[in-house]
Protein backbone atom coordinates (compact mmCIF):
# COMPACT_ATOMS: atom_id res chain seq x y z
CA UNK A 1 -65.49 -87.36 -4.05
CA UNK A 2 -62.63 -86.15 -2.11
CA UNK A 3 -61.20 -84.03 -5.06
CA UNK A 4 -64.19 -82.03 -5.28
CA UNK A 5 -64.44 -81.45 -1.15
CA UNK A 6 -60.71 -79.58 -1.27
CA UNK A 7 -61.69 -77.50 -4.49
CA UNK A 8 -63.43 -74.79 -1.87
CA UNK A 9 -60.88 -75.08 0.48
CA UNK A 10 -58.16 -74.50 -2.06
CA UNK A 11 -60.24 -71.14 -3.15
CA UNK A 12 -59.88 -70.18 0.87
CA UNK A 13 -56.57 -70.58 1.25
CA UNK A 14 -56.08 -68.77 -1.72
CA UNK A 15 -58.31 -65.87 -1.08
CA UNK A 16 -56.59 -66.09 2.99
CA UNK A 17 -53.22 -65.66 1.08
CA UNK A 18 -54.22 -62.69 -1.41
CA UNK A 19 -55.88 -60.95 2.12
CA UNK A 20 -52.58 -61.18 3.70
CA UNK A 21 -50.27 -60.19 0.77
CA UNK A 22 -52.69 -56.71 0.38
CA UNK A 23 -52.89 -55.85 4.05
CA UNK A 24 -49.05 -56.14 4.29
CA UNK A 25 -49.41 -54.31 1.50
CA UNK A 26 -51.72 -51.29 2.90
CA UNK A 27 -50.22 -51.39 6.08
CA UNK A 28 -46.53 -50.57 4.41
CA UNK A 29 -48.05 -47.56 2.26
CA UNK A 30 -49.67 -46.40 5.86
CA UNK A 31 -46.26 -46.59 7.07
CA UNK A 32 -44.84 -45.23 4.48
CA UNK A 33 -47.62 -41.92 4.25
CA UNK A 34 -46.75 -41.28 7.96
CA UNK A 35 -43.09 -41.14 7.04
CA UNK A 36 -43.45 -38.95 4.46
CA UNK A 37 -46.11 -36.83 6.52
CA UNK A 38 -43.21 -36.41 9.16
CA UNK A 39 -40.90 -35.57 7.15
CA UNK A 40 -42.99 -32.91 5.46
CA UNK A 41 -43.49 -31.09 8.44
CA UNK A 42 -40.66 -30.81 9.41
CA UNK A 43 -39.12 -29.32 5.97
CA UNK A 44 -42.35 -27.48 6.94
CA UNK A 45 -40.68 -25.85 9.78
CA UNK A 46 -37.35 -25.37 7.87
CA UNK A 47 -39.46 -23.25 5.42
CA UNK A 48 -40.38 -20.91 8.21
CA UNK A 49 -37.22 -20.13 9.57
CA UNK A 50 -35.40 -19.20 6.49
CA UNK A 51 -38.05 -16.98 5.85
CA UNK A 52 -38.46 -15.05 8.84
CA UNK A 53 -34.08 -14.79 8.18
CA UNK A 54 -34.49 -13.29 4.90
CA UNK A 55 -37.30 -11.31 6.12
CA UNK A 56 -34.68 -9.58 8.97
CA UNK A 57 -32.23 -9.33 6.49
CA UNK A 58 -34.31 -7.63 4.54
CA UNK A 59 -35.21 -5.28 7.15
CA UNK A 60 -31.89 -4.67 8.71
CA UNK A 61 -30.32 -4.02 4.78
CA UNK A 62 -31.81 -0.26 4.78
CA UNK A 63 -30.11 1.35 7.68
CA UNK A 64 -26.94 -0.54 6.72
CA UNK A 65 -26.86 0.46 3.54
CA UNK A 66 -27.00 3.88 4.92
CA UNK A 67 -23.98 3.27 7.41
CA UNK A 68 -22.53 1.68 4.54
CA UNK A 69 -22.49 5.44 2.53
CA UNK A 70 -21.40 7.44 5.29
CA UNK A 71 -18.40 5.98 5.63
CA UNK A 72 -17.37 5.18 2.24
CA UNK A 73 -17.62 9.01 2.17
CA UNK A 74 -15.57 9.26 4.91
CA UNK A 75 -13.14 6.58 3.75
CA UNK A 76 -12.93 7.59 0.62
CA UNK A 77 -11.85 11.37 1.68
CA UNK A 78 -8.84 10.54 3.68
CA UNK A 79 -7.82 7.47 1.22
CA UNK A 80 -8.06 10.27 -1.17
CA UNK A 81 -5.75 12.66 1.07
CA UNK A 82 -2.73 9.40 1.47
CA UNK A 83 -2.98 8.78 -2.37
CA UNK A 84 -2.17 13.03 -2.91
CA UNK A 85 0.54 12.65 -0.78
CA UNK A 86 1.37 9.56 -1.99
CA UNK A 87 2.30 7.32 1.15
CA UNK A 88 4.05 4.07 0.80
CA UNK A 89 2.00 1.36 1.64
CA UNK A 90 4.98 -0.98 1.64
CA UNK A 91 4.59 -3.85 4.37
CA UNK A 92 7.63 -3.71 7.21
CA UNK A 93 9.02 -5.97 9.79
CA UNK A 94 5.94 -5.58 12.23
CA UNK A 95 3.03 -5.80 9.99
CA UNK A 96 -0.87 -6.25 11.19
CA UNK A 97 -3.32 -7.64 9.98
CA UNK A 98 -6.96 -6.85 10.32
CA UNK A 99 -9.37 -9.44 9.27
CA UNK A 100 -13.27 -9.24 9.24
CA UNK A 101 -15.76 -11.96 9.37
CA UNK A 102 -18.89 -12.96 11.13
CA UNK A 103 -20.29 -13.93 14.50
CA UNK A 104 -22.62 -16.47 12.82
CA UNK A 105 -22.53 -18.93 9.86
CA UNK A 106 -25.66 -18.96 7.72
CA UNK A 107 -24.65 -16.35 5.56
CA UNK A 108 -22.37 -18.31 2.62
CA UNK A 109 -19.27 -17.90 2.15
CA UNK A 110 -17.72 -14.89 3.15
CA UNK A 111 -15.95 -16.26 6.20
CA UNK A 112 -14.40 -18.87 4.28
CA UNK A 113 -12.74 -16.50 1.61
CA UNK A 114 -11.39 -14.11 4.58
CA UNK A 115 -10.07 -17.28 6.52
CA UNK A 116 -9.24 -18.90 2.99
CA UNK A 117 -7.29 -14.85 2.46
CA UNK A 118 -5.86 -14.40 5.54
CA UNK A 119 -4.32 -18.29 5.51
CA UNK A 120 -2.31 -17.29 2.24
CA UNK A 121 -0.94 -14.40 3.35
CA UNK A 122 0.29 -14.72 6.79
CA UNK A 123 2.53 -17.45 5.87
CA UNK A 124 3.77 -20.35 8.64
CA UNK A 125 7.67 -21.42 8.24
CA UNK A 126 6.36 -25.44 6.70
CA UNK A 127 4.22 -23.36 4.68
CA UNK A 128 7.00 -21.36 3.08
CA UNK A 129 8.79 -24.72 1.96
CA UNK A 130 5.69 -25.98 0.51
CA UNK A 131 5.78 -25.49 -3.00
CA UNK A 132 2.80 -27.61 -4.51
CA UNK A 133 0.88 -25.96 -2.35
CA UNK A 134 1.83 -22.48 -3.26
CA UNK A 135 0.97 -23.42 -7.06
CA UNK A 136 -2.40 -24.46 -6.05
CA UNK A 137 -3.31 -20.45 -5.07
CA UNK A 138 -6.44 -19.24 -6.80
CA UNK A 139 -5.48 -15.84 -9.34
CA UNK A 140 -7.76 -13.69 -6.81
CA UNK A 141 -5.22 -14.55 -3.91
CA UNK A 142 -2.05 -13.88 -5.53
CA UNK A 143 -4.12 -11.06 -7.06
CA UNK A 144 -5.28 -10.09 -3.44
CA UNK A 145 -1.14 -10.92 -2.19
CA UNK A 146 0.29 -8.44 -4.87
CA UNK A 147 -1.82 -5.60 -3.87
CA UNK A 148 -1.84 -5.23 -0.35
CA UNK A 149 1.72 -7.19 0.03
CA UNK A 150 4.14 -4.66 -2.00
CA UNK A 151 7.78 -4.69 -0.51
CA UNK A 152 11.34 -5.49 -0.94
CA UNK A 153 12.18 -6.43 2.12
CA UNK A 154 12.48 -10.85 2.98
CA UNK A 155 9.26 -12.30 3.89
CA UNK A 156 11.36 -14.29 6.59
CA UNK A 157 11.92 -11.95 9.04
CA UNK A 158 8.28 -10.21 9.12
CA UNK A 159 6.04 -10.25 11.78
CA UNK A 160 2.38 -10.76 11.12
CA UNK A 161 0.58 -9.91 13.74
CA UNK A 162 -3.44 -11.40 12.94
CA UNK A 163 -6.60 -9.21 14.56
CA UNK A 164 -9.20 -10.99 14.42
CA UNK A 165 -13.23 -9.84 14.23
CA UNK A 166 -15.38 -12.57 13.91
CA UNK A 167 -15.85 -16.17 15.57
CA UNK A 168 -16.88 -17.98 12.32
CA UNK A 169 -13.10 -16.88 10.68
CA UNK A 170 -10.94 -17.67 14.29
CA UNK A 171 -12.56 -20.88 14.04
CA UNK A 172 -11.37 -21.62 10.56
CA UNK A 173 -7.41 -20.30 10.81
CA UNK A 174 -6.83 -21.26 14.89
CA UNK A 175 -5.42 -24.34 14.23
CA UNK A 176 -4.00 -23.13 11.17
CA UNK A 177 -1.87 -19.93 12.25
CA UNK A 178 -2.11 -20.08 15.93
CA UNK A 179 1.23 -18.09 16.60
CA UNK A 180 0.22 -14.96 14.79
CA UNK A 181 -2.53 -14.11 16.30
CA UNK A 182 -2.98 -11.58 19.31
CA UNK A 183 -6.42 -10.92 19.36
CA UNK A 184 -9.86 -11.99 19.21
CA UNK A 185 -13.07 -10.10 18.99
CA UNK A 186 -16.47 -10.66 18.58
CA UNK A 187 -20.13 -9.35 19.16
CA UNK A 188 -19.27 -5.88 16.89
CA UNK A 189 -23.45 -4.15 16.95
CA UNK A 190 -24.60 -4.62 20.28
CA UNK A 191 -26.62 -8.26 20.70
CA UNK A 192 -29.21 -6.66 18.79
CA UNK A 193 -26.50 -6.65 15.35
CA UNK A 194 -28.11 -3.38 14.44
CA UNK A 195 -24.16 -3.05 12.54
CA UNK A 196 -21.17 -1.70 13.47
CA UNK A 197 -20.49 2.18 15.79
CA UNK A 198 -17.90 3.96 15.58
CA UNK A 199 -17.52 3.92 19.06
CA UNK A 200 -16.74 0.00 18.82
CA UNK A 201 -14.02 1.07 16.47
CA UNK A 202 -12.14 3.13 18.07
CA UNK A 203 -12.11 1.13 21.19
CA UNK A 204 -10.80 -1.83 19.05
CA UNK A 205 -8.29 0.44 17.75
CA UNK A 206 -6.94 1.31 20.85
CA UNK A 207 -6.92 -2.40 22.30
CA UNK A 208 -4.82 -2.57 19.04
CA UNK A 209 -2.19 0.04 19.99
CA UNK A 210 -2.10 -1.00 23.17
CA UNK A 211 -1.28 -4.95 22.73
CA UNK A 212 1.07 -4.07 19.60
CA UNK A 213 2.77 -1.02 22.28
CA UNK A 214 2.37 -3.93 25.10
CA UNK A 215 4.36 -6.18 22.32
CA UNK A 216 7.41 -3.96 21.04
CA UNK A 217 8.04 -2.92 25.09
CA UNK A 218 9.02 -6.65 25.44
CA UNK A 219 10.63 -7.92 22.30
CA UNK A 220 13.99 -6.64 22.00
CA UNK A 221 13.89 -3.78 19.21
CA UNK A 222 12.97 -0.65 21.44
CA UNK A 223 16.37 -1.34 23.69
CA UNK A 224 17.89 2.19 23.34
CA UNK A 225 13.94 3.89 23.81
CA UNK A 226 14.52 5.24 19.97
CA UNK A 227 12.37 3.56 18.50
CA UNK A 228 8.45 4.58 19.41
CA UNK A 229 6.61 3.46 16.32
CA UNK A 230 3.65 0.65 17.79
CA UNK A 231 3.09 -1.48 14.49
CA UNK A 232 5.27 -0.42 11.08
CA UNK A 233 2.70 -1.20 8.71
CA UNK A 234 -0.71 -2.83 7.94
CA UNK A 235 -3.22 -3.39 5.66
CA UNK A 236 -7.50 -4.24 6.53
CA UNK A 237 -8.85 -8.04 4.88
CA UNK A 238 -12.65 -7.19 4.66
CA UNK A 239 -14.88 -8.69 2.27
CA UNK A 240 -16.47 -5.97 0.14
CA UNK A 241 -20.12 -5.10 -0.76
CA UNK A 242 -20.48 -5.11 -5.19
CA UNK A 243 -24.24 -5.62 -5.11
CA UNK A 244 -27.13 -7.57 -3.56
CA UNK A 245 -25.68 -11.09 -5.45
CA UNK A 246 -22.28 -10.51 -5.05
CA UNK A 247 -19.12 -9.30 -2.91
CA UNK A 248 -15.07 -9.24 -2.80
CA UNK A 249 -12.45 -9.83 -1.43
CA UNK A 250 -9.91 -6.46 -0.30
CA UNK A 251 -7.66 -4.71 1.49
CA UNK A 252 -7.54 -1.13 2.68
CA UNK A 253 -3.95 -0.44 4.11
CA UNK A 254 -2.75 1.14 7.67
CA UNK A 255 -0.57 3.95 7.32
CA UNK A 256 1.46 4.14 10.24
CA UNK A 257 3.18 7.36 11.51
CA UNK A 258 6.35 7.08 9.84
CA UNK A 259 4.82 6.01 6.41
CA UNK A 260 2.54 9.62 6.75
CA UNK A 261 5.39 11.83 7.77
CA UNK A 262 7.96 10.23 5.52
CA UNK A 263 5.65 10.77 2.54
CA UNK A 264 6.89 12.45 -0.62
CA UNK A 265 3.88 15.40 -1.22
CA UNK A 266 3.40 16.24 2.41
CA UNK A 267 5.03 19.63 2.35
CA UNK A 268 2.06 20.70 -0.68
CA UNK A 269 -0.14 21.05 2.45
CA UNK A 270 -0.12 23.48 5.29
CA UNK A 271 -0.27 20.86 8.78
CA UNK A 272 1.09 21.61 12.23
CA UNK A 273 4.13 19.29 13.49
CA UNK A 274 1.88 17.47 16.26
CA UNK A 275 -1.24 16.19 14.38
CA UNK A 276 0.72 12.88 12.60
CA UNK A 277 -0.37 10.92 15.81
CA UNK A 278 -3.83 12.07 15.42
CA UNK A 279 -4.01 11.44 11.84
CA UNK A 280 -2.55 8.24 12.11
CA UNK A 281 -5.21 7.37 14.64
CA UNK A 282 -8.00 9.07 13.26
CA UNK A 283 -6.84 7.38 9.62
CA UNK A 284 -6.83 3.35 11.31
CA UNK A 285 -10.41 4.31 13.03
CA UNK A 286 -12.31 5.32 9.70
CA UNK A 287 -10.77 2.49 7.47
CA UNK A 288 -11.53 0.24 9.61
CA UNK A 289 -15.24 1.52 10.38
CA UNK A 290 -15.33 1.53 6.16
CA UNK A 291 -14.68 -2.27 6.48
CA UNK A 292 -16.28 -3.41 8.65
CA UNK A 293 -19.17 -0.71 7.02
CA UNK A 294 -18.46 -3.04 4.09
CA UNK A 295 -18.18 -6.19 5.80
CA UNK A 296 -21.61 -6.36 7.51
CA UNK A 297 -23.50 -5.21 4.75
CA UNK A 298 -21.59 -8.17 2.60
CA UNK A 299 -22.67 -10.80 5.66
CA UNK A 300 -26.91 -9.25 5.67
CA UNK A 301 -26.76 -9.26 1.27
CA UNK A 302 -25.32 -12.85 1.38
CA UNK A 303 -27.66 -14.31 4.35
CA UNK A 304 -30.40 -13.29 2.31
CA UNK A 305 -29.63 -14.43 -0.74
CA UNK A 306 -28.48 -18.23 1.12
CA UNK A 307 -32.17 -17.88 3.10
CA UNK A 308 -33.94 -17.47 -0.28
CA UNK A 309 -32.76 -20.24 -1.96
CA UNK A 310 -32.98 -22.07 1.60
CA UNK A 311 -36.92 -21.21 1.10
CA UNK A 312 -37.15 -22.25 -3.03
CA UNK A 313 -35.17 -25.27 -2.39
CA UNK A 314 -37.24 -26.47 0.34
CA UNK A 315 -40.59 -25.35 -1.52
CA UNK A 316 -39.80 -27.69 -4.23
CA UNK A 317 -39.10 -31.02 -1.91
CA UNK A 318 -42.53 -29.68 -0.20
CA UNK A 319 -43.99 -30.18 -3.51
CA UNK A 320 -42.75 -33.13 -4.58
CA UNK A 321 -43.38 -34.40 -0.51
CA UNK A 322 -47.16 -33.51 -1.38
CA UNK A 323 -47.07 -35.21 -4.47
CA UNK A 324 -45.69 -38.26 -3.10
CA UNK A 325 -48.24 -38.32 -0.22
CA UNK A 326 -51.27 -38.16 -3.05
CA UNK A 327 -49.47 -40.94 -4.93
CA UNK A 328 -49.08 -43.35 -1.21
CA UNK A 329 -52.81 -42.20 -0.80
CA UNK A 330 -54.24 -43.25 -4.44
CA UNK A 331 -51.99 -46.19 -4.77
CA UNK A 332 -53.79 -47.85 -0.98
CA UNK A 333 -57.41 -46.67 -2.50
CA UNK A 334 -56.33 -48.06 -5.75
CA UNK A 335 -55.38 -51.44 -3.80
CA UNK A 336 -58.47 -51.66 -1.25
CA UNK A 337 -60.70 -51.57 -4.47
CA UNK A 338 -58.82 -54.30 -6.14
CA UNK A 339 -58.69 -56.40 -2.82
CA UNK A 340 -62.81 -56.07 -3.00
CA UNK A 341 -63.41 -56.92 -6.43
CA UNK A 342 -61.08 -60.00 -5.52
CA UNK A 343 -63.06 -61.43 -3.12
CA UNK A 344 -66.62 -60.85 -4.99
CA UNK A 345 -64.63 -63.01 -8.13
CA UNK A 346 -63.41 -65.48 -5.47
CA UNK A 347 -67.30 -65.76 -4.29
CA UNK A 348 -69.30 -65.98 -7.17
CA UNK A 349 -66.16 -69.02 -8.00
CA UNK A 350 -66.69 -70.62 -4.48
């Protein structure tokens, strides 16, 4: 008799236990859905930002390409002249290196490639003794060094004076080559980042000449006042634009006044003796403007490509999260239907 009275209680207890388990699973599924929805909103906002940045870069590319075509015509004309007179590209003691990067990130590896090449070309005293580090350098950097540094002088006597254009390159090389950095320039192109202008380039060239002139006056090289060269040699390190998805690290030589005068085929042209200072300054500005336009175009194309990939990845994640939300909702509805059917079965048994 007692056993018969205990059967409904056992059934009631088992039903309460199952209902408790189902309630916990339902709460867990609801919490999971809310977490997924929060993450989904975050990724959707990120996708809106990447789409906007891609659109901005696409709009700027057209004007940047026009400026690049003009700069290439100017650069090709002046560099073909130096090629015809066979101006020496040899690197001497007081060498100037201008590294061109960008002020903002989210544009692929354009800043990393410039900073890696700069650290490889400018060797510290400890870096010269580390043969293992030099053996691990990539073939691209070795080819770049062979094309930019072509001299018979001892590297120990060279004085590399580095001028950096772009905040990102500065942050990547400041700890490695602090003794070589002379000046850092940022904000080229204005607040709207409309692209580099020739006026800004002329100001940078004048500032570089002024800094090198001050270094010359404070050094022991010009004791007899017979040395009047601001710098002996130099080159510009930049990213050369190839197409919308590729670029390569490259260099443009900076010719000094003495190198232009000592060109073997200079006598084949008619010239005045007073034009060499202006020719050196003008060619310096033209090549720097060309390098800045190439770097700016590489930055925009790389940023557009990076934002396009980010938007594509965000879209895939959003689709997966929507599937997860639908799956969780279907699971929640199925569990509720199972609970209802289980309740009905238990009630019929009781």
